[in-house]
Amino acid sequence: MQKANRYGMMHLATTGRRTGQERRVILGYIEEGPNLVTMAMKGWADAEPAWWLNLQAHPEANVDLADGRRTVRGRAAEGEERSRLWARWRELNANLDAQAALRSAETAVVILEPSPEPNR
C-alpha cells in the first residue's frame, strides 16, 4: 500500500503477447480509488516497455502488493482522466514533464482496474 506523497511498488504479472508465458516486472504506482495507476515507460527511452505491449494484447493481469495479490484489467487513461492522473504523478516528481519530453511519443498513463475474474 502506498503512503501519502509517495508512490508504492508492485509486481505486475502479464501474459506475454508472443509466448503466452507469464512475464513479471516491478513498477511504481499510485492509488486512485480502487485502481492502481502507473506509467508505461522504459526509463525515458522511446521504446514502449514490453509489459505495456503485453498488457495491450492481454489486458487481464495480476499484481502483487504488500497486502496480497489482485487480479486487474489494464487500460490507458485518456483525455481529462489522463491529464488529472499525470498531474498527480507530477506532484511526486517535479521533473516529470522534462523527463517525458525526452521521448518522442506521449507516455501512456496506465490504469489497472480490479477485475472480478481470476485469470490464473
PDB file of N, CA and C in Angstrom:
ATOM      1  N   MET A   1       0.843  -1.183   0.000  1.00  0.00           N
ATOM      2  CA  MET A   1       0.000   0.000   0.000  1.00  0.00           C
ATOM      3  C   MET A   1       0.888   1.246   0.000  1.00  0.00           C
ATOM      4  N   GLN A   2       0.493   2.222  -0.728  1.00  0.00           N
ATOM      5  CA  GLN A   2       1.266   3.444  -0.878  1.00  0.00           C
ATOM      6  C   GLN A   2       0.979   4.407   0.271  1.00  0.00           C
ATOM      7  N   LYS A   3       1.981   5.195   0.632  1.00  0.00           N
ATOM      8  CA  LYS A   3       1.818   6.225   1.660  1.00  0.00           C
ATOM      9  C   LYS A   3       1.579   7.572   0.983  1.00  0.00           C
ATOM     10  N   ALA A   4       0.999   8.505   1.733  1.00  0.00           N
ATOM     11  CA  ALA A   4       0.737   9.836   1.196  1.00  0.00           C
ATOM     12  C   ALA A   4       2.033  10.470   0.697  1.00  0.00           C
ATOM     13  N   ASN A   5       1.950  11.179  -0.414  1.00  0.00           N
ATOM     14  CA  ASN A   5       3.081  11.896  -1.019  1.00  0.00           C
ATOM     15  C   ASN A   5       4.212  10.973  -1.459  1.00  0.00           C
ATOM     16  N   ARG A   6       3.910   9.702  -1.660  1.00  0.00           N
ATOM     17  CA  ARG A   6       4.890   8.739  -2.168  1.00  0.00           C
ATOM     18  C   ARG A   6       4.160   7.768  -3.085  1.00  0.00           C
ATOM     19  N   TYR A   7       4.914   7.118  -3.904  1.00  0.00           N
ATOM     20  CA  TYR A   7       4.306   6.064  -4.702  1.00  0.00           C
ATOM     21  C   TYR A   7       4.691   4.721  -4.108  1.00  0.00           C
ATOM     22  N   GLY A   8       3.896   3.714  -4.394  1.00  0.00           N
ATOM     23  CA  GLY A   8       4.177   2.361  -3.933  1.00  0.00           C
ATOM     24  C   GLY A   8       4.874   1.559  -5.021  1.00  0.00           C
ATOM     25  N   MET A   9       5.268   0.343  -4.671  1.00  0.00           N
ATOM     26  CA  MET A   9       5.896  -0.565  -5.626  1.00  0.00           C
ATOM     27  C   MET A   9       5.063  -1.836  -5.710  1.00  0.00           C
ATOM     28  N   MET A  10       4.933  -2.355  -6.925  1.00  0.00           N
ATOM     29  CA  MET A  10       4.164  -3.578  -7.142  1.00  0.00           C
ATOM     30  C   MET A  10       4.897  -4.489  -8.120  1.00  0.00           C
ATOM     31  N   HIS A  11       4.586  -5.767  -8.041  1.00  0.00           N
ATOM     32  CA  HIS A  11       4.982  -6.728  -9.060  1.00  0.00           C
ATOM     33  C   HIS A  11       3.785  -6.886  -9.987  1.00  0.00           C
ATOM     34  N   LEU A  12       3.989  -6.663 -11.258  1.00  0.00           N
ATOM     35  CA  LEU A  12       2.937  -6.853 -12.253  1.00  0.00           C
ATOM     36  C   LEU A  12       3.269  -8.112 -13.041  1.00  0.00           C
ATOM     37  N   ALA A  13       2.307  -9.020 -13.145  1.00  0.00           N
ATOM     38  CA  ALA A  13       2.472 -10.244 -13.937  1.00  0.00           C
ATOM     39  C   ALA A  13       1.519 -10.174 -15.123  1.00  0.00           C
ATOM     40  N   THR A  14       2.098 -10.098 -16.314  1.00  0.00           N
ATOM     41  CA  THR A  14       1.316 -10.045 -17.550  1.00  0.00           C
ATOM     42  C   THR A  14       1.488 -11.365 -18.302  1.00  0.00           C
ATOM     43  N   THR A  15       0.699 -11.531 -19.346  1.00  0.00           N
ATOM     44  CA  THR A  15       0.845 -12.680 -20.241  1.00  0.00           C
ATOM     45  C   THR A  15       1.587 -12.204 -21.474  1.00  0.00           C
ATOM     46  N   GLY A  16       2.689 -12.867 -21.799  1.00  0.00           N
ATOM     47  CA  GLY A  16       3.491 -12.489 -22.961  1.00  0.00           C
ATOM     48  C   GLY A  16       2.672 -12.530 -24.241  1.00  0.00           C
ATOM     49  N   ARG A  17       2.748 -11.477 -25.023  1.00  0.00           N
ATOM     50  CA  ARG A  17       1.935 -11.389 -26.239  1.00  0.00           C
ATOM     51  C   ARG A  17       2.375 -12.383 -27.294  1.00  0.00           C
ATOM     52  N   ARG A  18       3.625 -12.807 -27.279  1.00  0.00           N
ATOM     53  CA  ARG A  18       4.131 -13.778 -28.252  1.00  0.00           C
ATOM     54  C   ARG A  18       4.212 -15.180 -27.675  1.00  0.00           C
ATOM     55  N   THR A  19       4.635 -15.290 -26.422  1.00  0.00           N
ATOM     56  CA  THR A  19       4.886 -16.603 -25.826  1.00  0.00           C
ATOM     57  C   THR A  19       3.705 -17.164 -25.057  1.00  0.00           C
ATOM     58  N   GLY A  20       2.827 -16.295 -24.566  1.00  0.00           N
ATOM     59  CA  GLY A  20       1.738 -16.746 -23.716  1.00  0.00           C
ATOM     60  C   GLY A  20       2.195 -17.085 -22.306  1.00  0.00           C
ATOM     61  N   GLN A  21       3.472 -16.877 -22.020  1.00  0.00           N
ATOM     62  CA  GLN A  21       4.022 -17.174 -20.700  1.00  0.00           C
ATOM     63  C   GLN A  21       3.932 -15.957 -19.793  1.00  0.00           C
ATOM     64  N   GLU A  22       3.919 -16.221 -18.490  1.00  0.00           N
ATOM     65  CA  GLU A  22       3.871 -15.122 -17.522  1.00  0.00           C
ATOM     66  C   GLU A  22       5.167 -14.323 -17.574  1.00  0.00           C
ATOM     67  N   ARG A  23       5.020 -13.012 -17.555  1.00  0.00           N
ATOM     68  CA  ARG A  23       6.151 -12.071 -17.522  1.00  0.00           C
ATOM     69  C   ARG A  23       5.939 -11.153 -16.333  1.00  0.00           C
ATOM     70  N   ARG A  24       6.985 -10.934 -15.540  1.00  0.00           N
ATOM     71  CA  ARG A  24       6.861 -10.127 -14.319  1.00  0.00           C
ATOM     72  C   ARG A  24       7.791  -8.923 -14.379  1.00  0.00           C
ATOM     73  N   VAL A  25       7.320  -7.826 -13.777  1.00  0.00           N
ATOM     74  CA  VAL A  25       8.095  -6.592 -13.720  1.00  0.00           C
ATOM     75  C   VAL A  25       7.732  -5.867 -12.426  1.00  0.00           C
ATOM     76  N   ILE A  26       8.650  -5.072 -11.906  1.00  0.00           N
ATOM     77  CA  ILE A  26       8.386  -4.241 -10.735  1.00  0.00           C
ATOM     78  C   ILE A  26       8.134  -2.820 -11.221  1.00  0.00           C
ATOM     79  N   LEU A  27       7.018  -2.222 -10.758  1.00  0.00           N
ATOM     80  CA  LEU A  27       6.627  -0.879 -11.192  1.00  0.00           C
ATOM     81  C   LEU A  27       6.201  -0.031 -10.000  1.00  0.00           C
ATOM     82  N   GLY A  28       6.365   1.270 -10.147  1.00  0.00           N
ATOM     83  CA  GLY A  28       5.804   2.199  -9.189  1.00  0.00           C
ATOM     84  C   GLY A  28       4.339   2.439  -9.512  1.00  0.00           C
ATOM     85  N   TYR A  29       3.549   2.763  -8.494  1.00  0.00           N
ATOM     86  CA  TYR A  29       2.130   3.027  -8.724  1.00  0.00           C
ATOM     87  C   TYR A  29       1.620   4.038  -7.705  1.00  0.00           C
ATOM     88  N   ILE A  30       0.513   4.663  -8.065  1.00  0.00           N
ATOM     89  CA  ILE A  30      -0.262   5.466  -7.123  1.00  0.00           C
ATOM     90  C   ILE A  30      -1.668   4.871  -7.112  1.00  0.00           C
ATOM     91  N   GLU A  31      -2.390   5.147  -6.050  1.00  0.00           N
ATOM     92  CA  GLU A  31      -3.751   4.642  -5.936  1.00  0.00           C
ATOM     93  C   GLU A  31      -4.736   5.737  -6.336  1.00  0.00           C
ATOM     94  N   GLU A  32      -5.786   5.320  -7.015  1.00  0.00           N
ATOM     95  CA  GLU A  32      -6.872   6.210  -7.427  1.00  0.00           C
ATOM     96  C   GLU A  32      -8.158   5.443  -7.139  1.00  0.00           C
ATOM     97  N   GLY A  33      -8.688   5.621  -5.943  1.00  0.00           N
ATOM     98  CA  GLY A  33      -9.826   4.805  -5.523  1.00  0.00           C
ATOM     99  C   GLY A  33      -9.385   3.348  -5.496  1.00  0.00           C
ATOM    100  N   PRO A  34     -10.155   2.453  -6.143  1.00  0.00           N
ATOM    101  CA  PRO A  34      -9.773   1.042  -6.156  1.00  0.00           C
ATOM    102  C   PRO A  34      -8.720   0.707  -7.220  1.00  0.00           C
ATOM    103  N   ASN A  35      -8.364   1.688  -8.054  1.00  0.00           N
ATOM    104  CA  ASN A  35      -7.439   1.457  -9.166  1.00  0.00           C
ATOM    105  C   ASN A  35      -5.997   1.746  -8.770  1.00  0.00           C
ATOM    106  N   LEU A  36      -5.091   1.081  -9.475  1.00  0.00           N
ATOM    107  CA  LEU A  36      -3.661   1.357  -9.380  1.00  0.00           C
ATOM    108  C   LEU A  36      -3.271   2.054 -10.679  1.00  0.00           C
ATOM    109  N   VAL A  37      -2.424   3.079 -10.577  1.00  0.00           N
ATOM    110  CA  VAL A  37      -2.055   3.872 -11.751  1.00  0.00           C
ATOM    111  C   VAL A  37      -0.539   3.889 -11.875  1.00  0.00           C
ATOM    112  N   THR A  38      -0.038   3.571 -13.064  1.00  0.00           N
ATOM    113  CA  THR A  38       1.390   3.581 -13.333  1.00  0.00           C
ATOM    114  C   THR A  38       1.629   4.248 -14.687  1.00  0.00           C
ATOM    115  N   MET A  39       2.877   4.378 -15.083  1.00  0.00           N
ATOM    116  CA  MET A  39       3.204   4.979 -16.371  1.00  0.00           C
ATOM    117  C   MET A  39       3.955   3.974 -17.223  1.00  0.00           C
ATOM    118  N   ALA A  40       3.614   3.911 -18.510  1.00  0.00           N
ATOM    119  CA  ALA A  40       4.254   2.982 -19.437  1.00  0.00           C
ATOM    120  C   ALA A  40       5.529   3.616 -19.968  1.00  0.00           C
ATOM    121  N   MET A  41       6.622   3.287 -19.327  1.00  0.00           N
ATOM    122  CA  MET A  41       7.906   3.832 -19.769  1.00  0.00           C
ATOM    123  C   MET A  41       9.002   2.816 -19.528  1.00  0.00           C
ATOM    124  N   LYS A  42      10.022   2.924 -20.314  1.00  0.00           N
ATOM    125  CA  LYS A  42      11.213   2.083 -20.201  1.00  0.00           C
ATOM    126  C   LYS A  42      12.341   3.071 -19.956  1.00  0.00           C
ATOM    127  N   GLY A  43      12.478   3.468 -18.666  1.00  0.00           N
ATOM    128  CA  GLY A  43      13.305   4.639 -18.389  1.00  0.00           C
ATOM    129  C   GLY A  43      12.620   5.786 -19.112  1.00  0.00           C
ATOM    130  N   TRP A  44      13.372   6.586 -19.804  1.00  0.00           N
ATOM    131  CA  TRP A  44      12.760   7.615 -20.645  1.00  0.00           C
ATOM    132  C   TRP A  44      13.119   7.380 -22.107  1.00  0.00           C
ATOM    133  N   ALA A  45      13.412   6.108 -22.442  1.00  0.00           N
ATOM    134  CA  ALA A  45      13.711   5.742 -23.823  1.00  0.00           C
ATOM    135  C   ALA A  45      12.430   5.759 -24.650  1.00  0.00           C
ATOM    136  N   ASP A  46      12.575   5.852 -25.956  1.00  0.00           N
ATOM    137  CA  ASP A  46      11.420   5.887 -26.851  1.00  0.00           C
ATOM    138  C   ASP A  46      10.631   4.582 -26.881  1.00  0.00           C
ATOM    139  N   ALA A  47      11.306   3.479 -26.757  1.00  0.00           N
ATOM    140  CA  ALA A  47      10.632   2.175 -26.882  1.00  0.00           C
ATOM    141  C   ALA A  47       9.577   1.990 -25.796  1.00  0.00           C
ATOM    142  N   GLU A  48       8.447   1.413 -26.196  1.00  0.00           N
ATOM    143  CA  GLU A  48       7.417   1.073 -25.220  1.00  0.00           C
ATOM    144  C   GLU A  48       7.911  -0.136 -24.418  1.00  0.00           C
ATOM    145  N   PRO A  49       7.629  -0.172 -23.132  1.00  0.00           N
ATOM    146  CA  PRO A  49       8.063  -1.324 -22.346  1.00  0.00           C
ATOM    147  C   PRO A  49       7.276  -2.583 -22.736  1.00  0.00           C
ATOM    148  N   ALA A  50       7.940  -3.734 -22.664  1.00  0.00           N
ATOM    149  CA  ALA A  50       7.314  -4.999 -23.044  1.00  0.00           C
ATOM    150  C   ALA A  50       6.057  -5.268 -22.219  1.00  0.00           C
ATOM    151  N   TRP A  51       6.085  -4.908 -20.933  1.00  0.00           N
ATOM    152  CA  TRP A  51       4.907  -5.184 -20.089  1.00  0.00           C
ATOM    153  C   TRP A  51       3.675  -4.447 -20.608  1.00  0.00           C
ATOM    154  N   TRP A  52       3.860  -3.235 -21.145  1.00  0.00           N
ATOM    155  CA  TRP A  52       2.736  -2.458 -21.666  1.00  0.00           C
ATOM    156  C   TRP A  52       2.229  -3.070 -22.972  1.00  0.00           C
ATOM    157  N   LEU A  53       3.133  -3.496 -23.838  1.00  0.00           N
ATOM    158  CA  LEU A  53       2.722  -4.170 -25.071  1.00  0.00           C
ATOM    159  C   LEU A  53       1.975  -5.461 -24.736  1.00  0.00           C
ATOM    160  N   ASN A  54       2.468  -6.205 -23.733  1.00  0.00           N
ATOM    161  CA  ASN A  54       1.794  -7.430 -23.308  1.00  0.00           C
ATOM    162  C   ASN A  54       0.396  -7.121 -22.765  1.00  0.00           C
ATOM    163  N   LEU A  55       0.297  -6.073 -21.961  1.00  0.00           N
ATOM    164  CA  LEU A  55      -0.984  -5.712 -21.353  1.00  0.00           C
ATOM    165  C   LEU A  55      -1.992  -5.254 -22.408  1.00  0.00           C
ATOM    166  N   GLN A  56      -1.517  -4.597 -23.448  1.00  0.00           N
ATOM    167  CA  GLN A  56      -2.423  -4.200 -24.528  1.00  0.00           C
ATOM    168  C   GLN A  56      -2.958  -5.427 -25.265  1.00  0.00           C
ATOM    169  N   ALA A  57      -2.125  -6.456 -25.415  1.00  0.00           N
ATOM    170  CA  ALA A  57      -2.555  -7.682 -26.090  1.00  0.00           C
ATOM    171  C   ALA A  57      -3.431  -8.546 -25.192  1.00  0.00           C
ATOM    172  N   HIS A  58      -3.121  -8.569 -23.896  1.00  0.00           N
ATOM    173  CA  HIS A  58      -3.846  -9.388 -22.911  1.00  0.00           C
ATOM    174  C   HIS A  58      -4.087  -8.517 -21.678  1.00  0.00           C
ATOM    175  N   PRO A  59      -5.186  -7.766 -21.625  1.00  0.00           N
ATOM    176  CA  PRO A  59      -5.408  -6.789 -20.547  1.00  0.00           C
ATOM    177  C   PRO A  59      -5.527  -7.375 -19.139  1.00  0.00           C
ATOM    178  N   GLU A  60      -5.895  -8.641 -19.010  1.00  0.00           N
ATOM    179  CA  GLU A  60      -6.011  -9.245 -17.676  1.00  0.00           C
ATOM    180  C   GLU A  60      -4.615  -9.549 -17.144  1.00  0.00           C
ATOM    181  N   ALA A  61      -4.381  -9.202 -15.878  1.00  0.00           N
ATOM    182  CA  ALA A  61      -3.066  -9.405 -15.270  1.00  0.00           C
ATOM    183  C   ALA A  61      -3.238  -9.565 -13.767  1.00  0.00           C
ATOM    184  N   ASN A  62      -2.130  -9.813 -13.093  1.00  0.00           N
ATOM    185  CA  ASN A  62      -2.112  -9.884 -11.631  1.00  0.00           C
ATOM    186  C   ASN A  62      -1.082  -8.910 -11.103  1.00  0.00           C
ATOM    187  N   VAL A  63      -1.384  -8.330  -9.949  1.00  0.00           N
ATOM    188  CA  VAL A  63      -0.398  -7.508  -9.251  1.00  0.00           C
ATOM    189  C   VAL A  63      -0.227  -8.073  -7.848  1.00  0.00           C
ATOM    190  N   ASP A  64       1.007  -8.050  -7.388  1.00  0.00           N
ATOM    191  CA  ASP A  64       1.318  -8.436  -6.022  1.00  0.00           C
ATOM    192  C   ASP A  64       1.718  -7.183  -5.270  1.00  0.00           C
ATOM    193  N   LEU A  65       0.985  -6.917  -4.191  1.00  0.00           N
ATOM    194  CA  LEU A  65       1.242  -5.782  -3.311  1.00  0.00           C
ATOM    195  C   LEU A  65       1.541  -6.315  -1.918  1.00  0.00           C
ATOM    196  N   ALA A  66       1.924  -5.437  -1.032  1.00  0.00           N
ATOM    197  CA  ALA A  66       2.218  -5.845   0.345  1.00  0.00           C
ATOM    198  C   ALA A  66       1.020  -6.542   0.985  1.00  0.00           C
ATOM    199  N   ASP A  67      -0.204  -6.149   0.610  1.00  0.00           N
ATOM    200  CA  ASP A  67      -1.398  -6.740   1.214  1.00  0.00           C
ATOM    201  C   ASP A  67      -1.960  -7.919   0.414  1.00  0.00           C
ATOM    202  N   GLY A  68      -1.231  -8.399  -0.594  1.00  0.00           N
ATOM    203  CA  GLY A  68      -1.664  -9.585  -1.325  1.00  0.00           C
ATOM    204  C   GLY A  68      -1.780  -9.386  -2.811  1.00  0.00           C
ATOM    205  N   ARG A  69      -2.289 -10.412  -3.462  1.00  0.00           N
ATOM    206  CA  ARG A  69      -2.428 -10.434  -4.920  1.00  0.00           C
ATOM    207  C   ARG A  69      -3.803  -9.917  -5.333  1.00  0.00           C
ATOM    208  N   ARG A  70      -3.816  -9.184  -6.439  1.00  0.00           N
ATOM    209  CA  ARG A  70      -5.062  -8.694  -7.027  1.00  0.00           C
ATOM    210  C   ARG A  70      -5.070  -9.055  -8.507  1.00  0.00           C
ATOM    211  N   THR A  71      -6.240  -9.390  -8.997  1.00  0.00           N
ATOM    212  CA  THR A  71      -6.428  -9.566 -10.433  1.00  0.00           C
ATOM    213  C   THR A  71      -6.937  -8.233 -10.971  1.00  0.00           C
ATOM    214  N   VAL A  72      -6.324  -7.776 -12.061  1.00  0.00           N
ATOM    215  CA  VAL A  72      -6.648  -6.459 -12.612  1.00  0.00           C
ATOM    216  C   VAL A  72      -6.835  -6.546 -14.120  1.00  0.00           C
ATOM    217  N   ARG A  73      -7.379  -5.475 -14.647  1.00  0.00           N
ATOM    218  CA  ARG A  73      -7.508  -5.301 -16.100  1.00  0.00           C
ATOM    219  C   ARG A  73      -6.906  -3.941 -16.426  1.00  0.00           C
ATOM    220  N   GLY A  74      -5.953  -3.923 -17.365  1.00  0.00           N
ATOM    221  CA  GLY A  74      -5.251  -2.694 -17.698  1.00  0.00           C
ATOM    222  C   GLY A  74      -5.833  -1.965 -18.884  1.00  0.00           C
ATOM    223  N   ARG A  75      -5.724  -0.647 -18.825  1.00  0.00           N
ATOM    224  CA  ARG A  75      -6.135   0.208 -19.941  1.00  0.00           C
ATOM    225  C   ARG A  75      -5.385   1.523 -19.833  1.00  0.00           C
ATOM    226  N   ALA A  76      -5.313   2.244 -20.936  1.00  0.00           N
ATOM    227  CA  ALA A  76      -4.684   3.563 -20.951  1.00  0.00           C
ATOM    228  C   ALA A  76      -5.706   4.625 -20.566  1.00  0.00           C
ATOM    229  N   ALA A  77      -5.287   5.564 -19.730  1.00  0.00           N
ATOM    230  CA  ALA A  77      -6.133   6.720 -19.414  1.00  0.00           C
ATOM    231  C   ALA A  77      -6.124   7.653 -20.618  1.00  0.00           C
ATOM    232  N   GLU A  78      -7.232   8.328 -20.829  1.00  0.00           N
ATOM    233  CA  GLU A  78      -7.335   9.248 -21.963  1.00  0.00           C
ATOM    234  C   GLU A  78      -7.955  10.566 -21.522  1.00  0.00           C
ATOM    235  N   GLY A  79      -7.700  11.606 -22.294  1.00  0.00           N
ATOM    236  CA  GLY A  79      -8.343  12.899 -22.097  1.00  0.00           C
ATOM    237  C   GLY A  79      -8.124  13.484 -20.714  1.00  0.00           C
ATOM    238  N   GLU A  80      -9.211  13.969 -20.110  1.00  0.00           N
ATOM    239  CA  GLU A  80      -9.145  14.630 -18.806  1.00  0.00           C
ATOM    240  C   GLU A  80      -8.626  13.687 -17.732  1.00  0.00           C
ATOM    241  N   GLU A  81      -9.009  12.427 -17.827  1.00  0.00           N
ATOM    242  CA  GLU A  81      -8.545  11.443 -16.846  1.00  0.00           C
ATOM    243  C   GLU A  81      -7.019  11.328 -16.877  1.00  0.00           C
ATOM    244  N   ARG A  82      -6.453  11.264 -18.086  1.00  0.00           N
ATOM    245  CA  ARG A  82      -5.002  11.185 -18.211  1.00  0.00           C
ATOM    246  C   ARG A  82      -4.347  12.450 -17.659  1.00  0.00           C
ATOM    247  N   SER A  83      -4.880  13.608 -17.998  1.00  0.00           N
ATOM    248  CA  SER A  83      -4.324  14.879 -17.511  1.00  0.00           C
ATOM    249  C   SER A  83      -4.337  14.948 -15.992  1.00  0.00           C
ATOM    250  N   ARG A  84      -5.432  14.536 -15.405  1.00  0.00           N
ATOM    251  CA  ARG A  84      -5.560  14.572 -13.936  1.00  0.00           C
ATOM    252  C   ARG A  84      -4.565  13.614 -13.269  1.00  0.00           C
ATOM    253  N   LEU A  85      -4.431  12.409 -13.820  1.00  0.00           N
ATOM    254  CA  LEU A  85      -3.508  11.430 -13.231  1.00  0.00           C
ATOM    255  C   LEU A  85      -2.054  11.818 -13.475  1.00  0.00           C
ATOM    256  N   TRP A  86      -1.766  12.413 -14.628  1.00  0.00           N
ATOM    257  CA  TRP A  86      -0.399  12.899 -14.901  1.00  0.00           C
ATOM    258  C   TRP A  86      -0.040  13.970 -13.865  1.00  0.00           C
ATOM    259  N   ALA A  87      -0.985  14.851 -13.580  1.00  0.00           N
ATOM    260  CA  ALA A  87      -0.744  15.906 -12.585  1.00  0.00           C
ATOM    261  C   ALA A  87      -0.451  15.306 -11.206  1.00  0.00           C
ATOM    262  N   ARG A  88      -1.122  14.223 -10.867  1.00  0.00           N
ATOM    263  CA  ARG A  88      -0.834  13.562  -9.586  1.00  0.00           C
ATOM    264  C   ARG A  88       0.583  13.021  -9.561  1.00  0.00           C
ATOM    265  N   TRP A  89       1.030  12.419 -10.676  1.00  0.00           N
ATOM    266  CA  TRP A  89       2.416  11.934 -10.742  1.00  0.00           C
ATOM    267  C   TRP A  89       3.394  13.107 -10.675  1.00  0.00           C
ATOM    268  N   ARG A  90       3.027  14.232 -11.307  1.00  0.00           N
ATOM    269  CA  ARG A  90       3.898  15.414 -11.293  1.00  0.00           C
ATOM    270  C   ARG A  90       4.114  15.920  -9.871  1.00  0.00           C
ATOM    271  N   GLU A  91       3.111  15.774  -9.008  1.00  0.00           N
ATOM    272  CA  GLU A  91       3.264  16.168  -7.597  1.00  0.00           C
ATOM    273  C   GLU A  91       4.357  15.360  -6.911  1.00  0.00           C
ATOM    274  N   LEU A  92       4.602  14.142  -7.362  1.00  0.00           N
ATOM    275  CA  LEU A  92       5.628  13.275  -6.779  1.00  0.00           C
ATOM    276  C   LEU A  92       6.981  13.440  -7.456  1.00  0.00           C
ATOM    277  N   ASN A  93       6.992  14.003  -8.663  1.00  0.00           N
ATOM    278  CA  ASN A  93       8.232  14.176  -9.426  1.00  0.00           C
ATOM    279  C   ASN A  93       8.166  15.505 -10.173  1.00  0.00           C
ATOM    280  N   ALA A  94       8.793  16.514  -9.623  1.00  0.00           N
ATOM    281  CA  ALA A  94       8.752  17.852 -10.219  1.00  0.00           C
ATOM    282  C   ALA A  94       9.400  17.891 -11.606  1.00  0.00           C
ATOM    283  N   ASN A  95      10.243  16.917 -11.945  1.00  0.00           N
ATOM    284  CA  ASN A  95      10.923  16.880 -13.244  1.00  0.00           C
ATOM    285  C   ASN A  95      10.192  16.027 -14.277  1.00  0.00           C
ATOM    286  N   LEU A  96       8.995  15.589 -13.971  1.00  0.00           N
ATOM    287  CA  LEU A  96       8.281  14.647 -14.830  1.00  0.00           C
ATOM    288  C   LEU A  96       8.125  15.162 -16.262  1.00  0.00           C
ATOM    289  N   ASP A  97       7.690  16.385 -16.437  1.00  0.00           N
ATOM    290  CA  ASP A  97       7.474  16.904 -17.797  1.00  0.00           C
ATOM    291  C   ASP A  97       8.781  16.977 -18.582  1.00  0.00           C
ATOM    292  N   ALA A  98       9.851  17.411 -17.951  1.00  0.00           N
ATOM    293  CA  ALA A  98      11.149  17.493 -18.631  1.00  0.00           C
ATOM    294  C   ALA A  98      11.643  16.103 -19.013  1.00  0.00           C
ATOM    295  N   GLN A  99      11.454  15.137 -18.120  1.00  0.00           N
ATOM    296  CA  GLN A  99      11.878  13.771 -18.424  1.00  0.00           C
ATOM    297  C   GLN A  99      11.037  13.181 -19.549  1.00  0.00           C
ATOM    298  N   ALA A 100       9.735  13.411 -19.505  1.00  0.00           N
ATOM    299  CA  ALA A 100       8.854  12.883 -20.548  1.00  0.00           C
ATOM    300  C   ALA A 100       9.164  13.507 -21.904  1.00  0.00           C
ATOM    301  N   ALA A 101       9.659  14.726 -21.914  1.00  0.00           N
ATOM    302  CA  ALA A 101       9.994  15.403 -23.173  1.00  0.00           C
ATOM    303  C   ALA A 101      11.147  14.704 -23.896  1.00  0.00           C
ATOM    304  N   LEU A 102      11.879  13.838 -23.209  1.00  0.00           N
ATOM    305  CA  LEU A 102      12.955  13.078 -23.837  1.00  0.00           C
ATOM    306  C   LEU A 102      12.415  12.011 -24.790  1.00  0.00           C
ATOM    307  N   ARG A 103      11.142  11.694 -24.661  1.00  0.00           N
ATOM    308  CA  ARG A 103      10.506  10.692 -25.514  1.00  0.00           C
ATOM    309  C   ARG A 103       9.823  11.385 -26.680  1.00  0.00           C
ATOM    310  N   SER A 104       9.796  10.721 -27.826  1.00  0.00           N
ATOM    311  CA  SER A 104       9.133  11.315 -28.990  1.00  0.00           C
ATOM    312  C   SER A 104       7.627  11.092 -28.968  1.00  0.00           C
ATOM    313  N   ALA A 105       7.162  10.139 -28.180  1.00  0.00           N
ATOM    314  CA  ALA A 105       5.724   9.852 -28.087  1.00  0.00           C
ATOM    315  C   ALA A 105       5.245  10.118 -26.668  1.00  0.00           C
ATOM    316  N   GLU A 106       3.959  10.359 -26.537  1.00  0.00           N
ATOM    317  CA  GLU A 106       3.370  10.584 -25.226  1.00  0.00           C
ATOM    318  C   GLU A 106       3.466   9.312 -24.376  1.00  0.00           C
ATOM    319  N   THR A 107       3.812   9.487 -23.113  1.00  0.00           N
ATOM    320  CA  THR A 107       3.893   8.363 -22.181  1.00  0.00           C
ATOM    321  C   THR A 107       2.484   7.992 -21.736  1.00  0.00           C
ATOM    322  N   ALA A 108       2.134   6.728 -21.921  1.00  0.00           N
ATOM    323  CA  ALA A 108       0.800   6.272 -21.512  1.00  0.00           C
ATOM    324  C   ALA A 108       0.708   6.222 -19.993  1.00  0.00           C
ATOM    325  N   VAL A 109      -0.407   6.707 -19.478  1.00  0.00           N
ATOM    326  CA  VAL A 109      -0.747   6.549 -18.071  1.00  0.00           C
ATOM    327  C   VAL A 109      -1.659   5.327 -18.031  1.00  0.00           C
ATOM    328  N   VAL A 110      -1.241   4.296 -17.305  1.00  0.00           N
ATOM    329  CA  VAL A 110      -1.933   3.011 -17.323  1.00  0.00           C
ATOM    330  C   VAL A 110      -2.727   2.827 -16.031  1.00  0.00           C
ATOM    331  N   ILE A 111      -3.992   2.497 -16.209  1.00  0.00           N
ATOM    332  CA  ILE A 111      -4.876   2.241 -15.076  1.00  0.00           C
ATOM    333  C   ILE A 111      -5.106   0.742 -14.977  1.00  0.00           C
ATOM    334  N   LEU A 112      -4.865   0.208 -13.787  1.00  0.00           N
ATOM    335  CA  LEU A 112      -5.114  -1.205 -13.503  1.00  0.00           C
ATOM    336  C   LEU A 112      -6.352  -1.265 -12.618  1.00  0.00           C
ATOM    337  N   GLU A 113      -7.462  -1.655 -13.228  1.00  0.00           N
ATOM    338  CA  GLU A 113      -8.744  -1.701 -12.529  1.00  0.00           C
ATOM    339  C   GLU A 113      -8.967  -3.095 -11.951  1.00  0.00           C
ATOM    340  N   PRO A 114      -9.611  -3.178 -10.782  1.00  0.00           N
ATOM    341  CA  PRO A 114      -9.910  -4.509 -10.231  1.00  0.00           C
ATOM    342  C   PRO A 114     -10.734  -5.328 -11.211  1.00  0.00           C
ATOM    343  N   SER A 115     -10.381  -6.568 -11.336  1.00  0.00           N
ATOM    344  CA  SER A 115     -11.115  -7.485 -12.219  1.00  0.00           C
ATOM    345  C   SER A 115     -11.774  -8.542 -11.337  1.00  0.00           C
ATOM    346  N   PRO A 116     -13.059  -8.782 -11.545  1.00  0.00           N
ATOM    347  CA  PRO A 116     -13.752  -9.736 -10.689  1.00  0.00           C
ATOM    348  C   PRO A 116     -13.373 -11.190 -10.964  1.00  0.00           C
ATOM    349  N   GLU A 117     -12.780 -11.452 -12.126  1.00  0.00           N
ATOM    350  CA  GLU A 117     -12.469 -12.829 -12.509  1.00  0.00           C
ATOM    351  C   GLU A 117     -10.989 -13.112 -12.394  1.00  0.00           C
ATOM    352  N   PRO A 118     -10.596 -14.127 -11.604  1.00  0.00           N
ATOM    353  CA  PRO A 118      -9.186 -14.509 -11.610  1.00  0.00           C
ATOM    354  C   PRO A 118      -8.830 -15.073 -12.992  1.00  0.00           C
ATOM    355  N   ASN A 119      -7.642 -14.702 -13.487  1.00  0.00           N
ATOM    356  CA  ASN A 119      -7.249 -15.170 -14.822  1.00  0.00           C
ATOM    357  C   ASN A 119      -6.221 -16.286 -14.773  1.00  0.00           C
ATOM    358  N   ARG A 120      -5.801 -16.688 -13.581  1.00  0.00           N
ATOM    359  CA  ARG A 120      -4.808 -17.759 -13.487  1.00  0.00           C
ATOM    360  C   ARG A 120      -5.154 -18.686 -12.377  1.00  0.00           C
TER     361      ARG A 120
END
